[in-house]
Amino acid sequence: MLYEFRSRATGTVVMTADVAEPLLRAMGKEPTPSGIVTVAQLPEIIARLERARAHSSIHAPAQIDHPSSEPSKHPYTDPDTEAPEPPVSFGARAWPLLDLLQAAHAGGRDVVWGV
C-alpha cells in the first residue's frame, strides 16, 4: 500500500506503508487510510518528528572500522551480491515528509494523506 502526502504549499511525497506508518505514529497520528495535519497542528507535528529523528540517530548502531589486513567489509554485505545496500535510517526516511511539513507550515497550508 502507498501513502501519498500532499499540501497546496508544496509537492507530493509518496511512501510505502512500511515507511509511512512509523512516521505517522512518531507524529502522533494513527496510520489511517486518509488524514489531515491542520496548519494549527503543524508546529507540534514537526517538533515530534524532529525529536523522533534525533532520538533515532542517538540510538542507531555505531559502525566501527577495525584496521586489519583484510579488505573492509560492510556489516550488511551478502557475499553472493555485488553491491550491498546499507539500511536506510529512520531519520533519512523522515526527511522528505519533514521537508513537506515545514514547507506547508511556511505556506500556511494543511497537509493531507491518502492511500
N, C-alpha and C. Protein backbone atom coordinates (compact mmCIF):
# COMPACT_ATOMS: atom_id res chain seq x y z
N MET A 1 0.85 -1.17 0.00
CA MET A 1 0.00 0.00 0.00
C MET A 1 0.90 1.24 0.00
N LEU A 2 0.49 2.26 -0.72
CA LEU A 2 1.22 3.52 -0.80
C LEU A 2 0.45 4.62 -0.07
N TYR A 3 1.19 5.46 0.63
CA TYR A 3 0.63 6.67 1.24
C TYR A 3 1.11 7.86 0.42
N GLU A 4 0.19 8.75 0.12
CA GLU A 4 0.53 9.98 -0.61
C GLU A 4 0.25 11.16 0.31
N PHE A 5 1.30 11.91 0.64
CA PHE A 5 1.19 13.11 1.46
C PHE A 5 1.26 14.31 0.53
N ARG A 6 0.34 15.26 0.72
CA ARG A 6 0.35 16.43 -0.16
C ARG A 6 -0.15 17.68 0.57
N SER A 7 0.28 18.80 0.03
CA SER A 7 -0.12 20.10 0.54
C SER A 7 -0.15 21.06 -0.63
N ARG A 8 -0.99 22.06 -0.54
CA ARG A 8 -1.04 23.07 -1.61
C ARG A 8 0.18 23.98 -1.59
N ALA A 9 0.99 23.88 -0.54
CA ALA A 9 2.19 24.71 -0.43
C ALA A 9 3.40 24.06 -1.09
N THR A 10 3.30 22.79 -1.42
CA THR A 10 4.46 22.07 -1.93
C THR A 10 4.02 20.91 -2.79
N GLY A 11 4.95 20.06 -3.14
CA GLY A 11 4.66 18.89 -3.96
C GLY A 11 4.08 17.75 -3.14
N THR A 12 4.22 16.56 -3.68
CA THR A 12 3.68 15.35 -3.09
C THR A 12 4.82 14.42 -2.68
N VAL A 13 4.64 13.74 -1.56
CA VAL A 13 5.59 12.73 -1.11
C VAL A 13 4.83 11.41 -1.07
N VAL A 14 5.36 10.40 -1.74
CA VAL A 14 4.74 9.08 -1.76
C VAL A 14 5.67 8.11 -1.03
N MET A 15 5.08 7.32 -0.13
CA MET A 15 5.85 6.35 0.66
C MET A 15 5.09 5.05 0.76
N THR A 16 5.82 3.96 0.87
CA THR A 16 5.18 2.68 1.13
C THR A 16 4.69 2.65 2.58
N ALA A 17 3.77 1.76 2.86
CA ALA A 17 3.19 1.68 4.20
C ALA A 17 4.23 1.38 5.26
N ASP A 18 5.21 0.53 4.95
CA ASP A 18 6.22 0.18 5.95
C ASP A 18 7.11 1.36 6.33
N VAL A 19 7.16 2.37 5.49
CA VAL A 19 7.91 3.59 5.78
C VAL A 19 6.99 4.63 6.42
N ALA A 20 5.82 4.84 5.84
CA ALA A 20 4.91 5.90 6.26
C ALA A 20 4.29 5.67 7.64
N GLU A 21 3.92 4.43 7.94
CA GLU A 21 3.21 4.18 9.19
C GLU A 21 4.03 4.48 10.44
N PRO A 22 5.32 4.11 10.52
CA PRO A 22 6.10 4.52 11.69
C PRO A 22 6.26 6.05 11.78
N LEU A 23 6.33 6.71 10.63
CA LEU A 23 6.44 8.17 10.65
C LEU A 23 5.15 8.80 11.17
N LEU A 24 4.01 8.28 10.72
CA LEU A 24 2.73 8.79 11.23
C LEU A 24 2.62 8.59 12.73
N ARG A 25 3.04 7.44 13.22
CA ARG A 25 2.99 7.18 14.67
C ARG A 25 3.91 8.14 15.42
N ALA A 26 5.10 8.40 14.87
CA ALA A 26 6.03 9.34 15.50
C ALA A 26 5.43 10.74 15.55
N MET A 27 4.59 11.06 14.57
CA MET A 27 3.94 12.36 14.53
C MET A 27 2.74 12.44 15.47
N GLY A 28 2.38 11.29 16.07
CA GLY A 28 1.22 11.26 16.96
C GLY A 28 -0.08 11.04 16.21
N LYS A 29 0.01 10.55 14.98
CA LYS A 29 -1.17 10.29 14.14
C LYS A 29 -1.32 8.79 13.94
N GLU A 30 -2.54 8.34 13.81
CA GLU A 30 -2.81 6.93 13.51
C GLU A 30 -2.61 6.72 12.01
N PRO A 31 -2.05 5.60 11.62
CA PRO A 31 -1.85 5.31 10.19
C PRO A 31 -3.15 4.85 9.53
N THR A 32 -4.07 5.77 9.40
CA THR A 32 -5.36 5.50 8.75
C THR A 32 -5.23 5.71 7.25
N PRO A 33 -6.20 5.21 6.47
CA PRO A 33 -6.12 5.36 5.02
C PRO A 33 -6.12 6.82 4.53
N SER A 34 -6.65 7.72 5.33
CA SER A 34 -6.59 9.14 4.98
C SER A 34 -6.55 9.95 6.26
N GLY A 35 -6.04 11.15 6.16
CA GLY A 35 -5.95 12.00 7.33
C GLY A 35 -5.48 13.40 6.98
N ILE A 36 -5.40 14.21 8.01
CA ILE A 36 -5.01 15.61 7.82
C ILE A 36 -4.17 16.09 8.99
N VAL A 37 -3.23 16.94 8.69
CA VAL A 37 -2.50 17.71 9.70
C VAL A 37 -2.85 19.15 9.40
N THR A 38 -3.58 19.77 10.32
CA THR A 38 -4.01 21.15 10.09
C THR A 38 -2.85 22.11 10.32
N VAL A 39 -3.00 23.31 9.81
CA VAL A 39 -1.99 24.35 10.00
C VAL A 39 -1.71 24.55 11.48
N ALA A 40 -2.74 24.52 12.30
CA ALA A 40 -2.57 24.71 13.75
C ALA A 40 -1.77 23.58 14.38
N GLN A 41 -1.86 22.36 13.82
CA GLN A 41 -1.15 21.20 14.37
C GLN A 41 0.30 21.12 13.88
N LEU A 42 0.63 21.79 12.80
CA LEU A 42 1.94 21.63 12.17
C LEU A 42 3.12 21.88 13.10
N PRO A 43 3.15 22.94 13.91
CA PRO A 43 4.33 23.14 14.77
C PRO A 43 4.60 21.95 15.69
N GLU A 44 3.56 21.41 16.32
CA GLU A 44 3.74 20.27 17.22
C GLU A 44 4.12 19.01 16.45
N ILE A 45 3.52 18.79 15.31
CA ILE A 45 3.82 17.60 14.49
C ILE A 45 5.27 17.65 14.01
N ILE A 46 5.71 18.81 13.56
CA ILE A 46 7.10 18.98 13.12
C ILE A 46 8.06 18.71 14.28
N ALA A 47 7.74 19.26 15.44
CA ALA A 47 8.59 19.05 16.62
C ALA A 47 8.65 17.58 17.00
N ARG A 48 7.53 16.87 16.94
CA ARG A 48 7.52 15.45 17.27
C ARG A 48 8.40 14.65 16.31
N LEU A 49 8.27 14.95 15.01
CA LEU A 49 9.04 14.22 14.02
C LEU A 49 10.53 14.53 14.15
N GLU A 50 10.88 15.78 14.45
CA GLU A 50 12.29 16.13 14.65
C GLU A 50 12.85 15.44 15.89
N ARG A 51 12.06 15.35 16.96
CA ARG A 51 12.51 14.63 18.16
C ARG A 51 12.72 13.14 17.85
N ALA A 52 11.82 12.56 17.09
CA ALA A 52 11.95 11.14 16.74
C ALA A 52 13.19 10.92 15.89
N ARG A 53 13.48 11.84 14.97
CA ARG A 53 14.70 11.73 14.15
C ARG A 53 15.94 11.82 15.03
N ALA A 54 15.95 12.78 15.95
CA ALA A 54 17.10 12.95 16.84
C ALA A 54 17.28 11.71 17.71
N HIS A 55 16.19 11.20 18.24
CA HIS A 55 16.26 10.02 19.10
C HIS A 55 16.76 8.81 18.31
N SER A 56 16.32 8.67 17.07
CA SER A 56 16.75 7.52 16.28
C SER A 56 18.23 7.60 15.94
N SER A 57 18.77 8.80 15.74
CA SER A 57 20.19 8.91 15.41
C SER A 57 21.06 8.66 16.64
N ILE A 58 20.56 8.98 17.81
CA ILE A 58 21.30 8.73 19.04
C ILE A 58 21.39 7.23 19.29
N HIS A 59 20.32 6.51 18.99
CA HIS A 59 20.26 5.08 19.28
C HIS A 59 20.57 4.20 18.08
N ALA A 60 21.07 4.79 17.00
CA ALA A 60 21.45 3.99 15.84
C ALA A 60 22.73 3.22 16.15
N PRO A 61 22.85 2.02 15.63
CA PRO A 61 24.08 1.26 15.89
C PRO A 61 25.28 1.93 15.27
N ALA A 62 26.35 2.00 16.02
CA ALA A 62 27.57 2.63 15.53
C ALA A 62 28.27 1.70 14.56
N GLN A 63 28.86 2.28 13.53
CA GLN A 63 29.66 1.50 12.60
C GLN A 63 31.11 1.74 12.94
N ILE A 64 31.81 0.69 13.31
CA ILE A 64 33.20 0.80 13.74
C ILE A 64 34.08 0.13 12.71
N ASP A 65 35.07 0.86 12.24
CA ASP A 65 36.03 0.29 11.31
C ASP A 65 37.22 -0.22 12.11
N HIS A 66 37.54 -1.48 11.94
CA HIS A 66 38.69 -2.08 12.60
C HIS A 66 39.81 -2.23 11.59
N PRO A 67 41.01 -1.73 11.92
CA PRO A 67 42.11 -1.91 10.98
C PRO A 67 42.48 -3.39 10.90
N SER A 68 42.67 -3.86 9.70
CA SER A 68 43.09 -5.25 9.51
C SER A 68 43.74 -5.37 8.15
N SER A 69 44.32 -6.52 7.89
CA SER A 69 44.95 -6.75 6.61
C SER A 69 43.93 -7.18 5.56
N GLU A 70 42.71 -7.55 5.99
CA GLU A 70 41.68 -7.95 5.05
C GLU A 70 40.95 -6.72 4.52
N PRO A 71 40.39 -6.81 3.31
CA PRO A 71 39.61 -5.69 2.79
C PRO A 71 38.43 -5.39 3.70
N SER A 72 38.07 -4.13 3.81
CA SER A 72 36.95 -3.72 4.65
C SER A 72 35.66 -4.30 4.11
N LYS A 73 34.85 -4.85 4.99
CA LYS A 73 33.56 -5.40 4.60
C LYS A 73 32.47 -4.70 5.40
N HIS A 74 31.43 -4.33 4.72
CA HIS A 74 30.29 -3.70 5.35
C HIS A 74 29.54 -4.76 6.15
N PRO A 75 29.02 -4.44 7.34
CA PRO A 75 28.37 -5.47 8.17
C PRO A 75 27.13 -6.08 7.53
N TYR A 76 26.54 -5.43 6.52
CA TYR A 76 25.34 -5.95 5.89
C TYR A 76 25.64 -6.57 4.52
N THR A 77 26.88 -6.87 4.27
CA THR A 77 27.27 -7.42 2.98
C THR A 77 26.85 -8.88 2.85
N ASP A 78 26.20 -9.17 1.76
CA ASP A 78 25.87 -10.55 1.41
C ASP A 78 26.95 -11.00 0.44
N PRO A 79 27.68 -12.03 0.75
CA PRO A 79 28.79 -12.42 -0.12
C PRO A 79 28.35 -12.82 -1.53
N ASP A 80 27.07 -13.11 -1.73
CA ASP A 80 26.59 -13.50 -3.04
C ASP A 80 26.12 -12.33 -3.89
N THR A 81 26.16 -11.12 -3.35
CA THR A 81 25.75 -9.95 -4.13
C THR A 81 26.96 -9.07 -4.39
N GLU A 82 26.85 -8.28 -5.43
CA GLU A 82 27.98 -7.43 -5.78
C GLU A 82 27.95 -6.07 -5.11
N ALA A 83 26.78 -5.50 -4.95
CA ALA A 83 26.67 -4.15 -4.40
C ALA A 83 25.73 -4.16 -3.20
N PRO A 84 26.27 -4.29 -1.98
CA PRO A 84 25.40 -4.32 -0.81
C PRO A 84 24.76 -2.96 -0.56
N GLU A 85 23.57 -3.00 -0.05
CA GLU A 85 22.85 -1.77 0.29
C GLU A 85 22.77 -1.64 1.80
N PRO A 86 23.29 -0.56 2.36
CA PRO A 86 23.17 -0.37 3.80
C PRO A 86 21.71 -0.05 4.16
N PRO A 87 21.30 -0.32 5.37
CA PRO A 87 19.93 0.01 5.77
C PRO A 87 19.72 1.52 5.77
N VAL A 88 18.49 1.92 5.48
CA VAL A 88 18.14 3.34 5.47
C VAL A 88 17.64 3.71 6.86
N SER A 89 18.20 4.75 7.43
CA SER A 89 17.84 5.15 8.80
C SER A 89 16.45 5.79 8.85
N PHE A 90 15.89 5.79 10.05
CA PHE A 90 14.60 6.44 10.29
C PHE A 90 14.69 7.92 9.91
N GLY A 91 15.79 8.56 10.30
CA GLY A 91 15.96 9.98 10.00
C GLY A 91 15.99 10.26 8.51
N ALA A 92 16.64 9.40 7.75
CA ALA A 92 16.68 9.58 6.30
C ALA A 92 15.30 9.37 5.69
N ARG A 93 14.55 8.42 6.21
CA ARG A 93 13.21 8.17 5.70
C ARG A 93 12.26 9.31 6.07
N ALA A 94 12.49 9.95 7.21
CA ALA A 94 11.62 11.04 7.66
C ALA A 94 11.86 12.35 6.92
N TRP A 95 13.04 12.52 6.37
CA TRP A 95 13.42 13.80 5.79
C TRP A 95 12.43 14.33 4.73
N PRO A 96 12.00 13.56 3.73
CA PRO A 96 11.09 14.13 2.73
C PRO A 96 9.76 14.60 3.34
N LEU A 97 9.24 13.83 4.29
CA LEU A 97 7.98 14.22 4.92
C LEU A 97 8.18 15.44 5.80
N LEU A 98 9.27 15.48 6.52
CA LEU A 98 9.56 16.64 7.36
C LEU A 98 9.70 17.90 6.51
N ASP A 99 10.36 17.78 5.38
CA ASP A 99 10.50 18.89 4.45
C ASP A 99 9.13 19.38 3.97
N LEU A 100 8.25 18.45 3.62
CA LEU A 100 6.90 18.81 3.19
C LEU A 100 6.14 19.51 4.30
N LEU A 101 6.23 18.99 5.52
CA LEU A 101 5.55 19.60 6.66
C LEU A 101 6.04 21.02 6.92
N GLN A 102 7.34 21.22 6.84
CA GLN A 102 7.90 22.56 7.07
C GLN A 102 7.48 23.53 5.98
N ALA A 103 7.45 23.08 4.74
CA ALA A 103 7.01 23.95 3.64
C ALA A 103 5.52 24.29 3.79
N ALA A 104 4.72 23.32 4.20
CA ALA A 104 3.30 23.58 4.42
C ALA A 104 3.11 24.58 5.54
N HIS A 105 3.89 24.45 6.60
CA HIS A 105 3.80 25.39 7.71
C HIS A 105 4.18 26.80 7.25
N ALA A 106 5.26 26.91 6.50
CA ALA A 106 5.69 28.22 5.99
C ALA A 106 4.65 28.82 5.06
N GLY A 107 3.97 27.98 4.31
CA GLY A 107 2.94 28.46 3.39
C GLY A 107 1.55 28.58 3.98
N GLY A 108 1.41 28.20 5.25
CA GLY A 108 0.12 28.29 5.91
C GLY A 108 -0.94 27.35 5.33
N ARG A 109 -0.51 26.13 4.96
CA ARG A 109 -1.41 25.16 4.34
C ARG A 109 -1.45 23.85 5.12
N ASP A 110 -2.59 23.18 5.09
CA ASP A 110 -2.73 21.87 5.70
C ASP A 110 -1.96 20.83 4.90
N VAL A 111 -1.71 19.69 5.53
CA VAL A 111 -1.14 18.52 4.86
C VAL A 111 -2.17 17.41 4.97
N VAL A 112 -2.45 16.76 3.86
CA VAL A 112 -3.38 15.63 3.86
C VAL A 112 -2.66 14.40 3.35
N TRP A 113 -3.17 13.23 3.72
CA TRP A 113 -2.62 12.00 3.16
C TRP A 113 -3.77 11.06 2.81
N GLY A 114 -3.46 10.18 1.89
CA GLY A 114 -4.42 9.16 1.48
C GLY A 114 -3.67 7.98 0.90
N VAL A 115 -4.36 6.87 0.80
CA VAL A 115 -3.75 5.67 0.21
C VAL A 115 -4.38 5.40 -1.14
